[in-house]
Amino acid sequence: MQRELGTELAERLRTLSLSVYRFGLERAAKRGIIIADTKFEFGRTSDGALILIDEVLTPDSSRFWPADRYQPGRGQPSFDKQPLRDYLDGLKRNGEWNGNAPPPALPWEVIRATSVRYQDAYLRITGETLPEAG
């Protein structure tokens, strides 16, 4: 990254990434969630200012594990979109979808399983339930 962006910008991105991660890590830990991994996307405004873009510390961009169920050396239960990933991977393995747009319609079970995970993560982190979609 330093080679592509230069040392100064690479160090700034590193510092910002760690700062945002620490903030999320500390907040999530207080609510019993381990943030196992995450990604951040940065961009620049038209005047060159560095900005954090896209989603940040969500189940789409991070892997959240319940701390009370964590066990080293095995797969972890998570609050991410794994049911969706598993379903789409199965379609690809079976030759039912090539991975290109448009994606297939999702069965209700996959939508529900993913939604329940996201809602549980939201409740644990914020202490509130998500409002009903209207």
Protein backbone atom coordinates (compact mmCIF):
# COMPACT_ATOMS: atom_id res chain seq x y z
CA MET A 1 0.00 0.00 0.00
CA GLN A 2 2.87 2.35 0.77
CA ARG A 3 4.30 1.74 -2.68
CA GLU A 4 0.99 2.62 -4.34
CA LEU A 5 -0.16 5.48 -2.10
CA GLY A 6 2.99 6.74 -0.47
CA THR A 7 4.15 6.41 3.11
CA GLU A 8 2.29 9.42 4.49
CA LEU A 9 -1.14 8.46 3.14
CA ALA A 10 -0.67 4.78 4.00
CA GLU A 11 0.19 5.70 7.59
CA ARG A 12 -2.81 8.04 7.83
CA LEU A 13 -5.12 5.28 6.57
CA ARG A 14 -3.59 2.84 9.05
CA THR A 15 -4.05 5.27 11.93
CA LEU A 16 -7.64 6.08 10.98
CA SER A 17 -8.53 2.42 10.44
CA LEU A 18 -7.18 1.40 13.83
CA SER A 19 -8.92 4.30 15.53
CA VAL A 20 -12.32 3.43 14.05
CA TYR A 21 -11.77 -0.27 14.77
CA ARG A 22 -10.84 0.40 18.42
CA PHE A 23 -13.96 2.53 18.86
CA GLY A 24 -16.17 -0.25 17.50
CA LEU A 25 -14.26 -2.98 19.32
CA GLU A 26 -14.66 -1.29 22.69
CA ARG A 27 -18.36 -0.54 22.20
CA ALA A 28 -19.10 -4.06 20.96
CA ALA A 29 -17.09 -5.70 23.76
CA LYS A 30 -19.23 -3.89 26.35
CA ARG A 31 -22.24 -5.55 24.70
CA GLY A 32 -20.75 -9.05 24.55
CA ILE A 33 -19.69 -9.03 20.90
CA ILE A 34 -16.29 -9.79 19.42
CA ILE A 35 -15.52 -7.98 16.16
CA ALA A 36 -13.45 -10.71 14.54
CA ASP A 37 -12.70 -8.80 11.36
CA THR A 38 -13.91 -5.81 9.43
CA LYS A 39 -13.15 -3.65 6.42
CA PHE A 40 -13.14 0.07 5.89
CA GLU A 41 -13.36 1.89 2.60
CA PHE A 42 -11.89 5.36 2.20
CA GLY A 43 -12.17 7.88 -0.58
CA ARG A 44 -11.36 11.47 -1.34
CA THR A 45 -13.59 14.44 -1.88
CA SER A 46 -13.18 16.58 -4.97
CA ASP A 47 -10.85 18.85 -2.98
CA GLY A 48 -8.72 15.87 -1.89
CA ALA A 49 -9.94 15.44 1.70
CA LEU A 50 -9.78 11.87 2.95
CA ILE A 51 -13.18 10.46 3.96
CA LEU A 52 -14.53 7.19 5.33
CA ILE A 53 -17.15 5.87 2.91
CA ASP A 54 -19.60 3.00 2.64
CA GLU A 55 -20.86 1.01 5.59
CA VAL A 56 -18.79 0.86 8.76
CA LEU A 57 -18.88 -1.85 11.44
CA THR A 58 -22.05 -3.53 10.20
CA PRO A 59 -22.74 -7.26 9.73
CA ASP A 60 -22.15 -6.68 6.00
CA SER A 61 -18.65 -5.29 6.53
CA SER A 62 -17.63 -7.14 9.69
CA ARG A 63 -17.77 -10.49 11.37
CA PHE A 64 -19.46 -10.26 14.78
CA TRP A 65 -19.21 -13.19 17.18
CA PRO A 66 -21.10 -13.55 20.47
CA ALA A 67 -18.40 -13.45 23.17
CA ASP A 68 -20.33 -15.82 25.43
CA ARG A 69 -20.26 -18.54 22.77
CA TYR A 70 -16.68 -18.08 21.56
CA GLN A 71 -14.58 -21.25 21.56
CA PRO A 72 -11.06 -21.24 20.09
CA GLY A 73 -10.21 -23.73 17.38
CA ARG A 74 -13.60 -24.06 15.69
CA GLY A 75 -16.02 -22.12 13.53
CA GLN A 76 -17.86 -19.45 15.49
CA PRO A 77 -21.53 -18.55 15.56
CA SER A 78 -21.87 -15.12 14.01
CA PHE A 79 -24.20 -12.23 13.32
CA ASP A 80 -23.19 -11.82 9.69
CA LYS A 81 -24.72 -12.73 6.35
CA GLN A 82 -23.40 -16.30 6.34
CA PRO A 83 -26.82 -17.86 5.55
CA LEU A 84 -26.94 -15.73 2.40
CA ARG A 85 -23.35 -16.59 1.46
CA ASP A 86 -23.98 -20.30 2.04
CA TYR A 87 -27.14 -20.26 -0.10
CA LEU A 88 -25.50 -18.45 -3.02
CA ASP A 89 -22.36 -20.60 -2.81
CA GLY A 90 -24.58 -23.70 -2.97
CA LEU A 91 -26.29 -22.40 -6.10
CA LYS A 92 -22.91 -21.77 -7.73
CA ARG A 93 -21.56 -25.21 -6.74
CA ASN A 94 -24.66 -26.87 -8.19
CA GLY A 95 -24.43 -24.87 -11.43
CA GLU A 96 -27.73 -23.07 -10.74
CA TRP A 97 -26.20 -19.56 -10.78
CA ASN A 98 -23.01 -18.23 -12.32
CA GLY A 99 -22.45 -15.46 -9.78
CA ASN A 100 -23.34 -12.66 -12.17
CA ALA A 101 -26.19 -10.17 -12.03
CA PRO A 102 -29.04 -10.50 -11.77
CA PRO A 103 -28.88 -12.54 -8.57
CA PRO A 104 -31.49 -15.22 -7.99
CA ALA A 105 -34.57 -14.57 -5.88
CA LEU A 106 -33.91 -15.52 -2.29
CA PRO A 107 -36.07 -17.99 -0.41
CA TRP A 108 -37.85 -16.60 2.64
CA GLU A 109 -35.82 -18.85 4.96
CA VAL A 110 -32.54 -17.27 3.83
CA ILE A 111 -33.94 -13.76 4.15
CA ARG A 112 -35.30 -14.52 7.60
CA ALA A 113 -32.14 -16.22 8.88
CA THR A 114 -30.01 -13.28 7.77
CA SER A 115 -32.48 -10.72 9.11
CA VAL A 116 -32.66 -12.40 12.52
CA ARG A 117 -28.86 -12.26 12.81
CA TYR A 118 -28.75 -8.58 11.86
CA GLN A 119 -31.55 -7.72 14.27
CA ASP A 120 -29.88 -9.62 17.10
CA ALA A 121 -26.58 -7.80 16.50
CA TYR A 122 -28.36 -4.44 16.42
CA LEU A 123 -30.18 -5.18 19.68
CA ARG A 124 -27.02 -6.34 21.43
CA ILE A 125 -24.98 -3.34 20.30
CA THR A 126 -27.56 -0.56 20.69
CA GLY A 127 -29.87 -2.01 23.33
CA GLU A 128 -32.78 -1.18 21.04
CA THR A 129 -34.83 -3.11 18.50
CA LEU A 130 -34.89 -2.07 14.88
CA PRO A 131 -38.06 -0.20 13.90
CA GLU A 132 -40.40 -2.11 11.61
CA ALA A 133 -39.93 -1.37 7.91
CA GLY A 134 -42.79 0.68 6.64
